[in-house]
Amino acid sequence: MNPNDAECFNAAHAQLHALHDEISILAKKSPNDLMNKFKISYVNQVLSTCNEILGAEQRPFVGFTSFDADVLPSTSDVVMMLSQYCAAMDRIHTENVKWNETQQSWVWLVDGKLSKIKTHRPKRK
Protein backbone atom coordinates (compact mmCIF):
# COMPACT_ATOMS: atom_id res chain seq x y z
CA MET A 1 0.00 0.00 0.00
CA ASN A 2 1.09 3.52 -0.69
CA PRO A 3 -0.57 6.65 0.75
CA ASN A 4 -2.74 7.22 -2.33
CA ASP A 5 -3.93 3.60 -2.28
CA ALA A 6 -4.89 3.89 1.37
CA GLU A 7 -6.88 7.10 0.83
CA CYS A 8 -8.58 5.64 -2.25
CA PHE A 9 -9.39 2.47 -0.31
CA ASN A 10 -10.93 4.41 2.58
CA ALA A 11 -13.29 6.24 0.22
CA ALA A 12 -14.26 3.20 -1.86
CA HIS A 13 -14.73 1.02 1.22
CA ALA A 14 -17.12 3.53 2.78
CA GLN A 15 -19.09 3.91 -0.46
CA LEU A 16 -19.27 0.15 -0.96
CA HIS A 17 -20.67 -0.48 2.51
CA ALA A 18 -23.13 2.41 2.18
CA LEU A 19 -24.43 1.04 -1.13
CA HIS A 20 -24.70 -2.42 0.38
CA ASP A 21 -26.71 -1.08 3.33
CA GLU A 22 -29.06 1.00 1.16
CA ILE A 23 -29.70 -1.66 -1.48
CA SER A 24 -30.16 -4.33 1.20
CA ILE A 25 -33.13 -2.33 2.48
CA LEU A 26 -34.62 -2.30 -1.02
CA ALA A 27 -33.96 -6.01 -1.47
CA LYS A 28 -35.73 -6.91 1.78
CA LYS A 29 -38.85 -5.10 0.58
CA SER A 30 -38.78 -6.32 -3.03
CA PRO A 31 -35.95 -8.76 -3.79
CA ASN A 32 -37.01 -9.36 -7.40
CA ASP A 33 -37.48 -5.72 -8.38
CA LEU A 34 -35.03 -4.52 -11.01
CA MET A 35 -32.51 -1.83 -10.23
CA ASN A 36 -32.66 1.28 -12.39
CA LYS A 37 -29.87 2.51 -14.66
CA PHE A 38 -29.14 5.50 -12.44
CA LYS A 39 -28.38 3.33 -9.40
CA ILE A 40 -26.49 0.73 -11.42
CA SER A 41 -24.22 3.42 -12.87
CA TYR A 42 -23.15 4.41 -9.34
CA VAL A 43 -22.81 0.81 -8.19
CA ASN A 44 -20.60 0.16 -11.22
CA GLN A 45 -18.44 3.21 -10.45
CA VAL A 46 -17.74 1.92 -6.95
CA LEU A 47 -17.16 -1.63 -8.24
CA SER A 48 -14.67 -0.27 -10.78
CA THR A 49 -12.63 1.36 -8.02
CA CYS A 50 -12.84 -1.81 -5.92
CA ASN A 51 -11.68 -3.89 -8.90
CA GLU A 52 -8.61 -1.66 -9.24
CA ILE A 53 -7.82 -2.04 -5.54
CA LEU A 54 -8.43 -5.79 -5.44
CA GLY A 55 -6.77 -6.68 -8.72
CA ALA A 56 -7.84 -9.67 -10.76
CA GLU A 57 -6.50 -12.17 -8.20
CA GLN A 58 -8.57 -10.95 -5.27
CA ARG A 59 -11.87 -10.07 -6.92
CA PRO A 60 -14.73 -12.17 -5.56
CA PHE A 61 -15.69 -13.83 -8.86
CA VAL A 62 -13.55 -14.48 -11.92
CA GLY A 63 -15.08 -12.76 -14.93
CA PHE A 64 -17.36 -10.36 -13.03
CA THR A 65 -16.37 -6.71 -13.06
CA SER A 66 -19.66 -4.80 -13.23
CA PHE A 67 -23.37 -5.04 -13.96
CA ASP A 68 -24.68 -4.69 -17.50
CA ALA A 69 -26.83 -1.55 -17.57
CA ASP A 70 -28.80 -2.98 -20.50
CA VAL A 71 -29.74 -6.15 -18.58
CA LEU A 72 -30.70 -4.69 -15.24
CA PRO A 73 -30.16 -6.97 -12.23
CA SER A 74 -32.57 -7.45 -9.36
CA THR A 75 -31.96 -5.78 -6.03
CA SER A 76 -31.13 -9.18 -4.50
CA ASP A 77 -28.55 -9.86 -7.25
CA VAL A 78 -26.85 -6.55 -6.51
CA VAL A 79 -26.86 -7.21 -2.76
CA MET A 80 -25.29 -10.63 -3.32
CA MET A 81 -22.42 -9.17 -5.35
CA LEU A 82 -21.92 -6.20 -3.05
CA SER A 83 -21.72 -8.61 -0.10
CA GLN A 84 -18.93 -10.51 -1.82
CA TYR A 85 -17.07 -7.29 -2.60
CA CYS A 86 -17.50 -6.11 1.00
CA ALA A 87 -15.92 -9.35 2.23
CA ALA A 88 -13.00 -9.04 -0.22
CA MET A 89 -12.37 -5.40 0.67
CA ASP A 90 -12.66 -6.15 4.40
CA ARG A 91 -10.02 -8.86 3.98
CA ILE A 92 -7.62 -6.40 2.29
CA HIS A 93 -8.28 -3.88 5.04
CA THR A 94 -7.65 -6.39 7.82
CA GLU A 95 -4.35 -7.46 6.24
CA ASN A 96 -3.05 -3.90 5.82
CA VAL A 97 -3.86 -2.03 9.04
CA LYS A 98 -2.38 -2.08 12.53
CA TRP A 99 -3.06 -0.42 15.87
CA ASN A 100 -0.70 2.50 16.46
CA GLU A 101 -0.11 2.92 20.20
CA THR A 102 1.40 6.37 19.77
CA GLN A 103 -1.58 7.73 17.81
CA GLN A 104 -4.08 5.58 19.71
CA SER A 105 -5.77 4.71 16.42
CA TRP A 106 -5.87 2.19 13.61
CA VAL A 107 -3.58 3.18 10.76
CA TRP A 108 -2.56 1.83 7.37
CA LEU A 109 0.68 -0.01 6.80
CA VAL A 110 2.54 1.81 4.02
CA ASP A 111 5.53 -0.02 2.59
CA GLY A 112 5.30 -2.38 5.57
CA LYS A 113 5.51 0.40 8.16
CA LEU A 114 2.95 2.20 10.31
CA SER A 115 1.71 5.35 8.59
CA LYS A 116 -0.20 8.35 9.88
CA ILE A 117 -3.17 7.54 7.64
CA LYS A 118 -6.02 6.73 9.99
CA THR A 119 -8.68 4.17 9.29
CA HIS A 120 -11.31 2.30 11.24
CA ARG A 121 -10.91 -0.90 13.24
CA PRO A 122 -10.85 -3.97 10.99
CA LYS A 123 -13.88 -6.22 11.13
CA ARG A 124 -11.82 -9.29 12.03
CA LYS A 125 -8.80 -8.86 14.26
C-alpha atoms as a PDB file:
ATOM      1  CA  MET A   1       0.000   0.000   0.000  1.00  0.00           C
ATOM      2  CA  ASN A   2       1.091   3.525  -0.690  1.00  0.00           C
ATOM      3  CA  PRO A   3      -0.565   6.652   0.751  1.00  0.00           C
ATOM      4  CA  ASN A   4      -2.739   7.224  -2.333  1.00  0.00           C
ATOM      5  CA  ASP A   5      -3.927   3.599  -2.284  1.00  0.00           C
ATOM      6  CA  ALA A   6      -4.894   3.893   1.372  1.00  0.00           C
ATOM      7  CA  GLU A   7      -6.879   7.102   0.831  1.00  0.00           C
ATOM      8  CA  CYS A   8      -8.581   5.636  -2.250  1.00  0.00           C
ATOM      9  CA  PHE A   9      -9.388   2.472  -0.313  1.00  0.00           C
ATOM     10  CA  ASN A  10     -10.934   4.414   2.583  1.00  0.00           C
ATOM     11  CA  ALA A  11     -13.290   6.242   0.216  1.00  0.00           C
ATOM     12  CA  ALA A  12     -14.256   3.195  -1.860  1.00  0.00           C
ATOM     13  CA  HIS A  13     -14.729   1.015   1.224  1.00  0.00           C
ATOM     14  CA  ALA A  14     -17.122   3.531   2.778  1.00  0.00           C
ATOM     15  CA  GLN A  15     -19.091   3.913  -0.465  1.00  0.00           C
ATOM     16  CA  LEU A  16     -19.265   0.147  -0.963  1.00  0.00           C
ATOM     17  CA  HIS A  17     -20.669  -0.480   2.508  1.00  0.00           C
ATOM     18  CA  ALA A  18     -23.132   2.409   2.184  1.00  0.00           C
ATOM     19  CA  LEU A  19     -24.427   1.039  -1.132  1.00  0.00           C
ATOM     20  CA  HIS A  20     -24.702  -2.419   0.384  1.00  0.00           C
ATOM     21  CA  ASP A  21     -26.711  -1.082   3.329  1.00  0.00           C
ATOM     22  CA  GLU A  22     -29.064   0.995   1.160  1.00  0.00           C
ATOM     23  CA  ILE A  23     -29.699  -1.662  -1.479  1.00  0.00           C
ATOM     24  CA  SER A  24     -30.165  -4.329   1.200  1.00  0.00           C
ATOM     25  CA  ILE A  25     -33.130  -2.331   2.482  1.00  0.00           C
ATOM     26  CA  LEU A  26     -34.615  -2.303  -1.025  1.00  0.00           C
ATOM     27  CA  ALA A  27     -33.958  -6.012  -1.471  1.00  0.00           C
ATOM     28  CA  LYS A  28     -35.735  -6.905   1.775  1.00  0.00           C
ATOM     29  CA  LYS A  29     -38.854  -5.100   0.581  1.00  0.00           C
ATOM     30  CA  SER A  30     -38.783  -6.320  -3.027  1.00  0.00           C
ATOM     31  CA  PRO A  31     -35.951  -8.764  -3.792  1.00  0.00           C
ATOM     32  CA  ASN A  32     -37.012  -9.360  -7.398  1.00  0.00           C
ATOM     33  CA  ASP A  33     -37.475  -5.715  -8.379  1.00  0.00           C
ATOM     34  CA  LEU A  34     -35.029  -4.524 -11.007  1.00  0.00           C
ATOM     35  CA  MET A  35     -32.514  -1.833 -10.231  1.00  0.00           C
ATOM     36  CA  ASN A  36     -32.664   1.280 -12.392  1.00  0.00           C
ATOM     37  CA  LYS A  37     -29.865   2.511 -14.662  1.00  0.00           C
ATOM     38  CA  PHE A  38     -29.141   5.498 -12.436  1.00  0.00           C
ATOM     39  CA  LYS A  39     -28.381   3.327  -9.395  1.00  0.00           C
ATOM     40  CA  ILE A  40     -26.492   0.725 -11.422  1.00  0.00           C
ATOM     41  CA  SER A  41     -24.224   3.416 -12.866  1.00  0.00           C
ATOM     42  CA  TYR A  42     -23.155   4.414  -9.339  1.00  0.00           C
ATOM     43  CA  VAL A  43     -22.812   0.808  -8.195  1.00  0.00           C
ATOM     44  CA  ASN A  44     -20.598   0.160 -11.216  1.00  0.00           C
ATOM     45  CA  GLN A  45     -18.438   3.208 -10.448  1.00  0.00           C
ATOM     46  CA  VAL A  46     -17.740   1.919  -6.951  1.00  0.00           C
ATOM     47  CA  LEU A  47     -17.158  -1.629  -8.236  1.00  0.00           C
ATOM     48  CA  SER A  48     -14.675  -0.272 -10.779  1.00  0.00           C
ATOM     49  CA  THR A  49     -12.634   1.358  -8.016  1.00  0.00           C
ATOM     50  CA  CYS A  50     -12.845  -1.807  -5.920  1.00  0.00           C
ATOM     51  CA  ASN A  51     -11.683  -3.891  -8.895  1.00  0.00           C
ATOM     52  CA  GLU A  52      -8.610  -1.659  -9.241  1.00  0.00           C
ATOM     53  CA  ILE A  53      -7.824  -2.044  -5.544  1.00  0.00           C
ATOM     54  CA  LEU A  54      -8.426  -5.792  -5.436  1.00  0.00           C
ATOM     55  CA  GLY A  55      -6.770  -6.677  -8.724  1.00  0.00           C
ATOM     56  CA  ALA A  56      -7.837  -9.675 -10.761  1.00  0.00           C
ATOM     57  CA  GLU A  57      -6.504 -12.171  -8.197  1.00  0.00           C
ATOM     58  CA  GLN A  58      -8.572 -10.949  -5.268  1.00  0.00           C
ATOM     59  CA  ARG A  59     -11.871 -10.069  -6.919  1.00  0.00           C
ATOM     60  CA  PRO A  60     -14.733 -12.174  -5.561  1.00  0.00           C
ATOM     61  CA  PHE A  61     -15.692 -13.826  -8.862  1.00  0.00           C
ATOM     62  CA  VAL A  62     -13.554 -14.475 -11.924  1.00  0.00           C
ATOM     63  CA  GLY A  63     -15.078 -12.755 -14.927  1.00  0.00           C
ATOM     64  CA  PHE A  64     -17.355 -10.365 -13.026  1.00  0.00           C
ATOM     65  CA  THR A  65     -16.374  -6.712 -13.057  1.00  0.00           C
ATOM     66  CA  SER A  66     -19.664  -4.801 -13.230  1.00  0.00           C
ATOM     67  CA  PHE A  67     -23.366  -5.040 -13.965  1.00  0.00           C
ATOM     68  CA  ASP A  68     -24.681  -4.693 -17.505  1.00  0.00           C
ATOM     69  CA  ALA A  69     -26.826  -1.548 -17.565  1.00  0.00           C
ATOM     70  CA  ASP A  70     -28.797  -2.981 -20.496  1.00  0.00           C
ATOM     71  CA  VAL A  71     -29.744  -6.150 -18.577  1.00  0.00           C
ATOM     72  CA  LEU A  72     -30.704  -4.694 -15.236  1.00  0.00           C
ATOM     73  CA  PRO A  73     -30.159  -6.972 -12.232  1.00  0.00           C
ATOM     74  CA  SER A  74     -32.575  -7.447  -9.361  1.00  0.00           C
ATOM     75  CA  THR A  75     -31.956  -5.784  -6.031  1.00  0.00           C
ATOM     76  CA  SER A  76     -31.126  -9.176  -4.496  1.00  0.00           C
ATOM     77  CA  ASP A  77     -28.554  -9.865  -7.247  1.00  0.00           C
ATOM     78  CA  VAL A  78     -26.854  -6.553  -6.505  1.00  0.00           C
ATOM     79  CA  VAL A  79     -26.857  -7.209  -2.757  1.00  0.00           C
ATOM     80  CA  MET A  80     -25.288 -10.631  -3.316  1.00  0.00           C
ATOM     81  CA  MET A  81     -22.416  -9.175  -5.348  1.00  0.00           C
ATOM     82  CA  LEU A  82     -21.925  -6.195  -3.047  1.00  0.00           C
ATOM     83  CA  SER A  83     -21.721  -8.614  -0.096  1.00  0.00           C
ATOM     84  CA  GLN A  84     -18.928 -10.510  -1.819  1.00  0.00           C
ATOM     85  CA  TYR A  85     -17.067  -7.291  -2.603  1.00  0.00           C
ATOM     86  CA  CYS A  86     -17.504  -6.113   1.000  1.00  0.00           C
ATOM     87  CA  ALA A  87     -15.916  -9.351   2.226  1.00  0.00           C
ATOM     88  CA  ALA A  88     -12.999  -9.039  -0.219  1.00  0.00           C
ATOM     89  CA  MET A  89     -12.374  -5.397   0.674  1.00  0.00           C
ATOM     90  CA  ASP A  90     -12.664  -6.153   4.399  1.00  0.00           C
ATOM     91  CA  ARG A  91     -10.016  -8.859   3.979  1.00  0.00           C
ATOM     92  CA  ILE A  92      -7.619  -6.398   2.293  1.00  0.00           C
ATOM     93  CA  HIS A  93      -8.283  -3.878   5.043  1.00  0.00           C
ATOM     94  CA  THR A  94      -7.646  -6.394   7.819  1.00  0.00           C
ATOM     95  CA  GLU A  95      -4.349  -7.459   6.245  1.00  0.00           C
ATOM     96  CA  ASN A  96      -3.052  -3.900   5.823  1.00  0.00           C
ATOM     97  CA  VAL A  97      -3.858  -2.032   9.043  1.00  0.00           C
ATOM     98  CA  LYS A  98      -2.384  -2.077  12.535  1.00  0.00           C
ATOM     99  CA  TRP A  99      -3.064  -0.422  15.867  1.00  0.00           C
ATOM    100  CA  ASN A 100      -0.696   2.497  16.458  1.00  0.00           C
ATOM    101  CA  GLU A 101      -0.108   2.917  20.198  1.00  0.00           C
ATOM    102  CA  THR A 102       1.402   6.374  19.767  1.00  0.00           C
ATOM    103  CA  GLN A 103      -1.576   7.729  17.813  1.00  0.00           C
ATOM    104  CA  GLN A 104      -4.076   5.577  19.706  1.00  0.00           C
ATOM    105  CA  SER A 105      -5.770   4.710  16.424  1.00  0.00           C
ATOM    106  CA  TRP A 106      -5.869   2.191  13.610  1.00  0.00           C
ATOM    107  CA  VAL A 107      -3.575   3.183  10.755  1.00  0.00           C
ATOM    108  CA  TRP A 108      -2.562   1.831   7.366  1.00  0.00           C
ATOM    109  CA  LEU A 109       0.684  -0.006   6.804  1.00  0.00           C
ATOM    110  CA  VAL A 110       2.539   1.808   4.019  1.00  0.00           C
ATOM    111  CA  ASP A 111       5.530  -0.017   2.589  1.00  0.00           C
ATOM    112  CA  GLY A 112       5.298  -2.381   5.571  1.00  0.00           C
ATOM    113  CA  LYS A 113       5.508   0.405   8.162  1.00  0.00           C
ATOM    114  CA  LEU A 114       2.955   2.204  10.308  1.00  0.00           C
ATOM    115  CA  SER A 115       1.715   5.350   8.593  1.00  0.00           C
ATOM    116  CA  LYS A 116      -0.196   8.354   9.877  1.00  0.00           C
ATOM    117  CA  ILE A 117      -3.169   7.541   7.635  1.00  0.00           C
ATOM    118  CA  LYS A 118      -6.017   6.733   9.988  1.00  0.00           C
ATOM    119  CA  THR A 119      -8.684   4.166   9.292  1.00  0.00           C
ATOM    120  CA  HIS A 120     -11.313   2.297  11.244  1.00  0.00           C
ATOM    121  CA  ARG A 121     -10.907  -0.903  13.237  1.00  0.00           C
ATOM    122  CA  PRO A 122     -10.853  -3.974  10.993  1.00  0.00           C
ATOM    123  CA  LYS A 123     -13.883  -6.221  11.128  1.00  0.00           C
ATOM    124  CA  ARG A 124     -11.823  -9.294  12.030  1.00  0.00           C
ATOM    125  CA  LYS A 125      -8.801  -8.858  14.261  1.00  0.00           C
END
